Amino acid sequence: MSYHDVPEGGAAREIGRKIYMDALAGRRGFRDDQLGIDDPELWAEIFEAMGRIALTELTPA
């Protein structure tokens, strides 16, 4: 299993997934097989964390 098996989620997860897939996936050192993370639940947490940060940075103070 890999990040391809993460089910759809809320806005934070989907934004995080988009950031990862567009900016990092497939690049040297960032593919799921290179990172050794094969747990979709962990990938969901990673995507959600990335998305939450992006949303926070885009929200006016």
PDB file of N, CA and C in Angstrom:
ATOM      1  N   MET A   1       0.840  -1.168   0.000  1.00  0.00           N
ATOM      2  CA  MET A   1       0.000   0.000   0.000  1.00  0.00           C
ATOM      3  C   MET A   1       0.895   1.245   0.000  1.00  0.00           C
ATOM      4  N   SER A   2       0.332   2.354  -0.430  1.00  0.00           N
ATOM      5  CA  SER A   2       1.121   3.578  -0.538  1.00  0.00           C
ATOM      6  C   SER A   2       0.217   4.792  -0.425  1.00  0.00           C
ATOM      7  N   TYR A   3       0.759   5.941  -0.773  1.00  0.00           N
ATOM      8  CA  TYR A   3      -0.049   7.157  -0.728  1.00  0.00           C
ATOM      9  C   TYR A   3      -1.176   7.121  -1.747  1.00  0.00           C
ATOM     10  N   HIS A   4      -1.095   6.247  -2.718  1.00  0.00           N
ATOM     11  CA  HIS A   4      -2.164   6.118  -3.703  1.00  0.00           C
ATOM     12  C   HIS A   4      -3.422   5.491  -3.098  1.00  0.00           C
ATOM     13  N   ASP A   5      -3.286   4.873  -1.934  1.00  0.00           N
ATOM     14  CA  ASP A   5      -4.399   4.191  -1.282  1.00  0.00           C
ATOM     15  C   ASP A   5      -5.091   5.034  -0.219  1.00  0.00           C
ATOM     16  N   VAL A   6      -4.693   6.283  -0.065  1.00  0.00           N
ATOM     17  CA  VAL A   6      -5.308   7.164   0.934  1.00  0.00           C
ATOM     18  C   VAL A   6      -6.684   7.581   0.419  1.00  0.00           C
ATOM     19  N   PRO A   7      -7.741   7.335   1.204  1.00  0.00           N
ATOM     20  CA  PRO A   7      -9.066   7.756   0.749  1.00  0.00           C
ATOM     21  C   PRO A   7      -9.207   9.267   0.746  1.00  0.00           C
ATOM     22  N   GLU A   8     -10.182   9.744  -0.020  1.00  0.00           N
ATOM     23  CA  GLU A   8     -10.448  11.178  -0.039  1.00  0.00           C
ATOM     24  C   GLU A   8     -10.818  11.637   1.356  1.00  0.00           C
ATOM     25  N   GLY A   9     -10.468  12.890   1.644  1.00  0.00           N
ATOM     26  CA  GLY A   9     -10.760  13.434   2.968  1.00  0.00           C
ATOM     27  C   GLY A   9     -11.219  14.863   2.866  1.00  0.00           C
ATOM     28  N   GLY A  10     -11.066  15.572   3.962  1.00  0.00           N
ATOM     29  CA  GLY A  10     -11.475  16.971   4.024  1.00  0.00           C
ATOM     30  C   GLY A  10     -10.534  17.868   3.244  1.00  0.00           C
ATOM     31  N   ALA A  11     -10.786  19.162   3.364  1.00  0.00           N
ATOM     32  CA  ALA A  11     -10.020  20.151   2.603  1.00  0.00           C
ATOM     33  C   ALA A  11      -8.525  20.070   2.892  1.00  0.00           C
ATOM     34  N   ALA A  12      -8.154  19.958   4.166  1.00  0.00           N
ATOM     35  CA  ALA A  12      -6.731  19.927   4.511  1.00  0.00           C
ATOM     36  C   ALA A  12      -6.040  18.735   3.861  1.00  0.00           C
ATOM     37  N   ARG A  13      -6.666  17.566   3.926  1.00  0.00           N
ATOM     38  CA  ARG A  13      -6.049  16.372   3.326  1.00  0.00           C
ATOM     39  C   ARG A  13      -5.897  16.535   1.817  1.00  0.00           C
ATOM     40  N   GLU A  14      -6.931  17.041   1.176  1.00  0.00           N
ATOM     41  CA  GLU A  14      -6.879  17.145  -0.286  1.00  0.00           C
ATOM     42  C   GLU A  14      -5.902  18.224  -0.748  1.00  0.00           C
ATOM     43  N   ILE A  15      -5.793  19.314  -0.012  1.00  0.00           N
ATOM     44  CA  ILE A  15      -4.795  20.333  -0.340  1.00  0.00           C
ATOM     45  C   ILE A  15      -3.394  19.776  -0.121  1.00  0.00           C
ATOM     46  N   GLY A  16      -3.195  19.079   0.992  1.00  0.00           N
ATOM     47  CA  GLY A  16      -1.900  18.463   1.254  1.00  0.00           C
ATOM     48  C   GLY A  16      -1.525  17.436   0.202  1.00  0.00           C
ATOM     49  N   ARG A  17      -2.499  16.628  -0.203  1.00  0.00           N
ATOM     50  CA  ARG A  17      -2.248  15.626  -1.250  1.00  0.00           C
ATOM     51  C   ARG A  17      -1.834  16.323  -2.549  1.00  0.00           C
ATOM     52  N   LYS A  18      -2.550  17.394  -2.890  1.00  0.00           N
ATOM     53  CA  LYS A  18      -2.255  18.137  -4.132  1.00  0.00           C
ATOM     54  C   LYS A  18      -0.847  18.731  -4.080  1.00  0.00           C
ATOM     55  N   ILE A  19      -0.486  19.314  -2.948  1.00  0.00           N
ATOM     56  CA  ILE A  19       0.862  19.872  -2.791  1.00  0.00           C
ATOM     57  C   ILE A  19       1.900  18.772  -2.977  1.00  0.00           C
ATOM     58  N   TYR A  20       1.699  17.665  -2.287  1.00  0.00           N
ATOM     59  CA  TYR A  20       2.680  16.574  -2.363  1.00  0.00           C
ATOM     60  C   TYR A  20       2.774  16.033  -3.782  1.00  0.00           C
ATOM     61  N   MET A  21       1.645  15.712  -4.374  1.00  0.00           N
ATOM     62  CA  MET A  21       1.662  15.092  -5.701  1.00  0.00           C
ATOM     63  C   MET A  21       2.221  16.033  -6.765  1.00  0.00           C
ATOM     64  N   ASP A  22       1.862  17.311  -6.709  1.00  0.00           N
ATOM     65  CA  ASP A  22       2.334  18.257  -7.726  1.00  0.00           C
ATOM     66  C   ASP A  22       3.787  18.656  -7.518  1.00  0.00           C
ATOM     67  N   ALA A  23       4.193  18.815  -6.273  1.00  0.00           N
ATOM     68  CA  ALA A  23       5.516  19.372  -6.003  1.00  0.00           C
ATOM     69  C   ALA A  23       6.578  18.325  -5.689  1.00  0.00           C
ATOM     70  N   LEU A  24       6.183  17.204  -5.095  1.00  0.00           N
ATOM     71  CA  LEU A  24       7.197  16.294  -4.574  1.00  0.00           C
ATOM     72  C   LEU A  24       7.166  14.883  -5.156  1.00  0.00           C
ATOM     73  N   ALA A  25       6.000  14.332  -5.375  1.00  0.00           N
ATOM     74  CA  ALA A  25       5.909  12.934  -5.807  1.00  0.00           C
ATOM     75  C   ALA A  25       6.701  12.715  -7.089  1.00  0.00           C
ATOM     76  N   GLY A  26       7.413  11.636  -7.133  1.00  0.00           N
ATOM     77  CA  GLY A  26       8.181  11.284  -8.310  1.00  0.00           C
ATOM     78  C   GLY A  26       9.565  11.898  -8.361  1.00  0.00           C
ATOM     79  N   ARG A  27       9.827  12.838  -7.506  1.00  0.00           N
ATOM     80  CA  ARG A  27      11.153  13.455  -7.485  1.00  0.00           C
ATOM     81  C   ARG A  27      12.106  12.599  -6.681  1.00  0.00           C
ATOM     82  N   ARG A  28      13.345  12.720  -6.984  1.00  0.00           N
ATOM     83  CA  ARG A  28      14.382  11.949  -6.306  1.00  0.00           C
ATOM     84  C   ARG A  28      14.289  12.157  -4.789  1.00  0.00           C
ATOM     85  N   GLY A  29      14.128  11.070  -4.079  1.00  0.00           N
ATOM     86  CA  GLY A  29      14.070  11.115  -2.630  1.00  0.00           C
ATOM     87  C   GLY A  29      12.699  11.345  -2.040  1.00  0.00           C
ATOM     88  N   PHE A  30      11.669  11.545  -2.871  1.00  0.00           N
ATOM     89  CA  PHE A  30      10.338  11.825  -2.347  1.00  0.00           C
ATOM     90  C   PHE A  30       9.288  10.803  -2.772  1.00  0.00           C
ATOM     91  N   ARG A  31       9.645   9.823  -3.583  1.00  0.00           N
ATOM     92  CA  ARG A  31       8.667   8.800  -3.966  1.00  0.00           C
ATOM     93  C   ARG A  31       8.361   7.928  -2.753  1.00  0.00           C
ATOM     94  N   ASP A  32       7.146   7.400  -2.718  1.00  0.00           N
ATOM     95  CA  ASP A  32       6.760   6.589  -1.563  1.00  0.00           C
ATOM     96  C   ASP A  32       7.659   5.373  -1.391  1.00  0.00           C
ATOM     97  N   ASP A  33       8.111   4.779  -2.499  1.00  0.00           N
ATOM     98  CA  ASP A  33       8.984   3.607  -2.378  1.00  0.00           C
ATOM     99  C   ASP A  33      10.375   3.995  -1.880  1.00  0.00           C
ATOM    100  N   GLN A  34      10.782   5.228  -2.073  1.00  0.00           N
ATOM    101  CA  GLN A  34      12.078   5.682  -1.569  1.00  0.00           C
ATOM    102  C   GLN A  34      11.984   6.070  -0.097  1.00  0.00           C
ATOM    103  N   LEU A  35      10.836   6.573   0.317  1.00  0.00           N
ATOM    104  CA  LEU A  35      10.668   6.986   1.701  1.00  0.00           C
ATOM    105  C   LEU A  35      10.403   5.804   2.623  1.00  0.00           C
ATOM    106  N   GLY A  36       9.874   4.719   2.072  1.00  0.00           N
ATOM    107  CA  GLY A  36       9.603   3.541   2.876  1.00  0.00           C
ATOM    108  C   GLY A  36       8.353   3.643   3.732  1.00  0.00           C
ATOM    109  N   ILE A  37       7.470   4.572   3.414  1.00  0.00           N
ATOM    110  CA  ILE A  37       6.220   4.714   4.155  1.00  0.00           C
ATOM    111  C   ILE A  37       5.138   4.016   3.341  1.00  0.00           C
ATOM    112  N   ASP A  38       4.649   2.898   3.859  1.00  0.00           N
ATOM    113  CA  ASP A  38       3.639   2.150   3.112  1.00  0.00           C
ATOM    114  C   ASP A  38       2.308   2.064   3.846  1.00  0.00           C
ATOM    115  N   ASP A  39       2.116   2.935   4.830  1.00  0.00           N
ATOM    116  CA  ASP A  39       0.889   2.953   5.623  1.00  0.00           C
ATOM    117  C   ASP A  39       0.000   4.105   5.172  1.00  0.00           C
ATOM    118  N   PRO A  40      -1.142   3.814   4.537  1.00  0.00           N
ATOM    119  CA  PRO A  40      -2.014   4.884   4.066  1.00  0.00           C
ATOM    120  C   PRO A  40      -2.487   5.817   5.178  1.00  0.00           C
ATOM    121  N   GLU A  41      -2.651   5.306   6.395  1.00  0.00           N
ATOM    122  CA  GLU A  41      -3.072   6.166   7.503  1.00  0.00           C
ATOM    123  C   GLU A  41      -1.993   7.198   7.829  1.00  0.00           C
ATOM    124  N   LEU A  42      -0.740   6.798   7.746  1.00  0.00           N
ATOM    125  CA  LEU A  42       0.353   7.733   7.978  1.00  0.00           C
ATOM    126  C   LEU A  42       0.410   8.767   6.861  1.00  0.00           C
ATOM    127  N   TRP A  43       0.200   8.325   5.625  1.00  0.00           N
ATOM    128  CA  TRP A  43       0.161   9.272   4.510  1.00  0.00           C
ATOM    129  C   TRP A  43      -0.985  10.252   4.682  1.00  0.00           C
ATOM    130  N   ALA A  44      -2.128   9.782   5.155  1.00  0.00           N
ATOM    131  CA  ALA A  44      -3.259  10.684   5.395  1.00  0.00           C
ATOM    132  C   ALA A  44      -2.863  11.758   6.403  1.00  0.00           C
ATOM    133  N   GLU A  45      -2.155  11.371   7.467  1.00  0.00           N
ATOM    134  CA  GLU A  45      -1.697  12.335   8.463  1.00  0.00           C
ATOM    135  C   GLU A  45      -0.723  13.336   7.857  1.00  0.00           C
ATOM    136  N   ILE A  46       0.169  12.859   7.004  1.00  0.00           N
ATOM    137  CA  ILE A  46       1.146  13.738   6.344  1.00  0.00           C
ATOM    138  C   ILE A  46       0.417  14.747   5.455  1.00  0.00           C
ATOM    139  N   PHE A  47      -0.511  14.247   4.629  1.00  0.00           N
ATOM    140  CA  PHE A  47      -1.261  15.141   3.738  1.00  0.00           C
ATOM    141  C   PHE A  47      -2.044  16.175   4.543  1.00  0.00           C
ATOM    142  N   GLU A  48      -2.693  15.733   5.616  1.00  0.00           N
ATOM    143  CA  GLU A  48      -3.490  16.652   6.421  1.00  0.00           C
ATOM    144  C   GLU A  48      -2.623  17.711   7.089  1.00  0.00           C
ATOM    145  N   ALA A  49      -1.459  17.331   7.577  1.00  0.00           N
ATOM    146  CA  ALA A  49      -0.560  18.299   8.205  1.00  0.00           C
ATOM    147  C   ALA A  49      -0.098  19.341   7.187  1.00  0.00           C
ATOM    148  N   MET A  50       0.260  18.893   5.997  1.00  0.00           N
ATOM    149  CA  MET A  50       0.686  19.823   4.954  1.00  0.00           C
ATOM    150  C   MET A  50      -0.456  20.765   4.586  1.00  0.00           C
ATOM    151  N   GLY A  51      -1.643  20.229   4.450  1.00  0.00           N
ATOM    152  CA  GLY A  51      -2.799  21.044   4.084  1.00  0.00           C
ATOM    153  C   GLY A  51      -3.168  22.049   5.151  1.00  0.00           C
ATOM    154  N   ARG A  52      -3.099  21.634   6.432  1.00  0.00           N
ATOM    155  CA  ARG A  52      -3.408  22.558   7.522  1.00  0.00           C
ATOM    156  C   ARG A  52      -2.442  23.739   7.526  1.00  0.00           C
ATOM    157  N   ILE A  53      -1.175  23.458   7.309  1.00  0.00           N
ATOM    158  CA  ILE A  53      -0.180  24.536   7.263  1.00  0.00           C
ATOM    159  C   ILE A  53      -0.466  25.472   6.097  1.00  0.00           C
ATOM    160  N   ALA A  54      -0.767  24.909   4.937  1.00  0.00           N
ATOM    161  CA  ALA A  54      -1.066  25.735   3.768  1.00  0.00           C
ATOM    162  C   ALA A  54      -2.279  26.615   4.039  1.00  0.00           C
ATOM    163  N   LEU A  55      -3.336  26.027   4.597  1.00  0.00           N
ATOM    164  CA  LEU A  55      -4.536  26.804   4.891  1.00  0.00           C
ATOM    165  C   LEU A  55      -4.251  27.899   5.911  1.00  0.00           C
ATOM    166  N   THR A  56      -3.461  27.611   6.919  1.00  0.00           N
ATOM    167  CA  THR A  56      -3.112  28.608   7.920  1.00  0.00           C
ATOM    168  C   THR A  56      -2.342  29.764   7.290  1.00  0.00           C
ATOM    169  N   GLU A  57      -1.427  29.449   6.400  1.00  0.00           N
ATOM    170  CA  GLU A  57      -0.623  30.494   5.767  1.00  0.00           C
ATOM    171  C   GLU A  57      -1.458  31.343   4.796  1.00  0.00           C
ATOM    172  N   LEU A  58      -2.506  30.784   4.270  1.00  0.00           N
ATOM    173  CA  LEU A  58      -3.343  31.518   3.320  1.00  0.00           C
ATOM    174  C   LEU A  58      -4.470  32.299   3.990  1.00  0.00           C
ATOM    175  N   THR A  59      -4.688  32.064   5.265  1.00  0.00           N
ATOM    176  CA  THR A  59      -5.737  32.745   6.000  1.00  0.00           C
ATOM    177  C   THR A  59      -5.209  34.062   6.546  1.00  0.00           C
ATOM    178  N   PRO A  60      -5.862  35.173   6.199  1.00  0.00           N
ATOM    179  CA  PRO A  60      -5.387  36.470   6.712  1.00  0.00           C
ATOM    180  C   PRO A  60      -5.450  36.508   8.242  1.00  0.00           C
ATOM    181  N   ALA A  61      -4.481  37.181   8.815  1.00  0.00           N
ATOM    182  CA  ALA A  61      -4.429  37.282  10.284  1.00  0.00           C
ATOM    183  C   ALA A  61      -5.414  38.266  10.827  1.00  0.00           C
TER     184      ALA A  61
END
